[in-house]
Amino acid sequence: MGCGRFCHLPSTKLLRRLGNMADDETRSRRSWPKNPKVLSGMLRRLSPALRTAGVEVDFDRDKTRNRNKTILIRELRSKAQS
């Protein structure tokens, strides 16, 4: 995704990046998130399964006056790497 081992972005930017990576067929599917709120909801529901697969998804608000929502996605270290 171009973020390395972690990615900390507003959901609008994350959806844009994912859209740039996906092909037209994938983006035209009914299951593709149409807006950032839908993407956040999908990630919230998938977060337990993603954690099992070694990816942690966290939701936060930035420190600006607007308190924009951000999503933090990071690769979890396996016990063998610790």
Protein backbone atom coordinates (compact mmCIF):
# COMPACT_ATOMS: atom_id res chain seq x y z
CA MET A 1 0.00 0.00 0.00
CA GLY A 2 3.03 2.20 -0.02
CA CYS A 3 3.01 2.63 3.76
CA GLY A 4 5.54 -0.01 4.79
CA ARG A 5 4.83 -1.89 8.02
CA PHE A 6 2.21 0.60 9.15
CA CYS A 7 -0.18 3.09 7.63
CA HIS A 8 -1.85 5.99 9.49
CA LEU A 9 -4.29 7.82 7.22
CA PRO A 10 -7.72 9.42 7.19
CA SER A 11 -10.30 7.04 5.76
CA THR A 12 -10.77 9.27 2.69
CA LYS A 13 -7.09 8.95 1.75
CA LEU A 14 -7.06 5.23 2.52
CA LEU A 15 -10.06 4.65 0.27
CA ARG A 16 -8.38 6.69 -2.49
CA ARG A 17 -5.15 4.66 -2.18
CA LEU A 18 -7.03 1.37 -2.26
CA GLY A 19 -8.98 2.60 -5.28
CA ASN A 20 -5.74 3.42 -7.08
CA MET A 21 -4.43 -0.08 -6.39
CA ALA A 22 -7.58 -1.95 -7.44
CA ASP A 23 -8.57 -2.63 -11.02
CA ASP A 24 -11.79 -1.32 -12.59
CA GLU A 25 -13.59 -4.65 -12.21
CA THR A 26 -12.90 -4.73 -8.46
CA ARG A 27 -13.96 -1.12 -7.92
CA SER A 28 -17.21 -1.67 -9.82
CA ARG A 29 -18.32 -4.55 -7.57
CA ARG A 30 -21.25 -3.93 -5.24
CA SER A 31 -19.08 -4.91 -2.27
CA TRP A 32 -16.53 -2.12 -2.93
CA PRO A 33 -16.88 0.65 -0.33
CA LYS A 34 -18.52 3.68 -1.93
CA ASN A 35 -17.43 6.17 0.74
CA PRO A 36 -14.99 6.44 3.68
CA LYS A 37 -17.67 5.71 6.31
CA VAL A 38 -18.47 2.37 4.66
CA LEU A 39 -14.74 1.53 4.49
CA SER A 40 -14.36 2.25 8.22
CA GLY A 41 -17.33 0.03 9.04
CA MET A 42 -15.96 -2.80 6.93
CA LEU A 43 -12.55 -2.54 8.63
CA ARG A 44 -14.18 -2.51 12.08
CA ARG A 45 -16.07 -5.71 11.30
CA LEU A 46 -12.99 -7.36 9.76
CA SER A 47 -10.52 -6.29 12.47
CA PRO A 48 -10.77 -9.54 14.54
CA ALA A 49 -10.02 -11.64 11.43
CA LEU A 50 -7.26 -9.27 10.34
CA ARG A 51 -5.69 -9.43 13.81
CA THR A 52 -5.62 -13.24 13.52
CA ALA A 53 -3.85 -12.81 10.18
CA GLY A 54 -1.24 -10.52 11.75
CA VAL A 55 -2.68 -7.10 10.89
CA GLU A 56 -3.98 -4.70 13.53
CA VAL A 57 -6.53 -2.02 12.68
CA ASP A 58 -7.04 0.91 15.10
CA PHE A 59 -9.28 3.94 14.84
CA ASP A 60 -8.30 7.32 16.23
CA ARG A 61 -8.84 11.05 15.87
CA ASP A 62 -6.07 13.43 14.98
CA LYS A 63 -4.99 16.34 17.17
CA THR A 64 -6.26 19.11 14.88
CA ARG A 65 -9.21 21.30 15.76
CA ASN A 66 -11.46 19.29 13.43
CA ARG A 67 -10.53 16.00 15.16
CA ASN A 68 -10.56 14.10 11.86
CA LYS A 69 -10.91 10.34 12.11
CA THR A 70 -7.85 8.35 11.13
CA ILE A 71 -7.21 4.65 10.63
CA LEU A 72 -3.99 3.01 11.74
CA ILE A 73 -3.15 -0.28 10.03
CA ARG A 74 0.01 -2.05 11.11
CA GLU A 75 1.65 -5.42 10.79
CA LEU A 76 1.85 -7.30 14.09
CA ARG A 77 5.15 -8.90 15.02
CA SER A 78 5.02 -12.63 15.37
CA LYS A 79 6.38 -14.20 18.54
CA ALA A 80 9.27 -15.67 16.53
CA GLN A 81 10.42 -12.15 15.58
CA SER A 82 10.25 -10.74 19.14
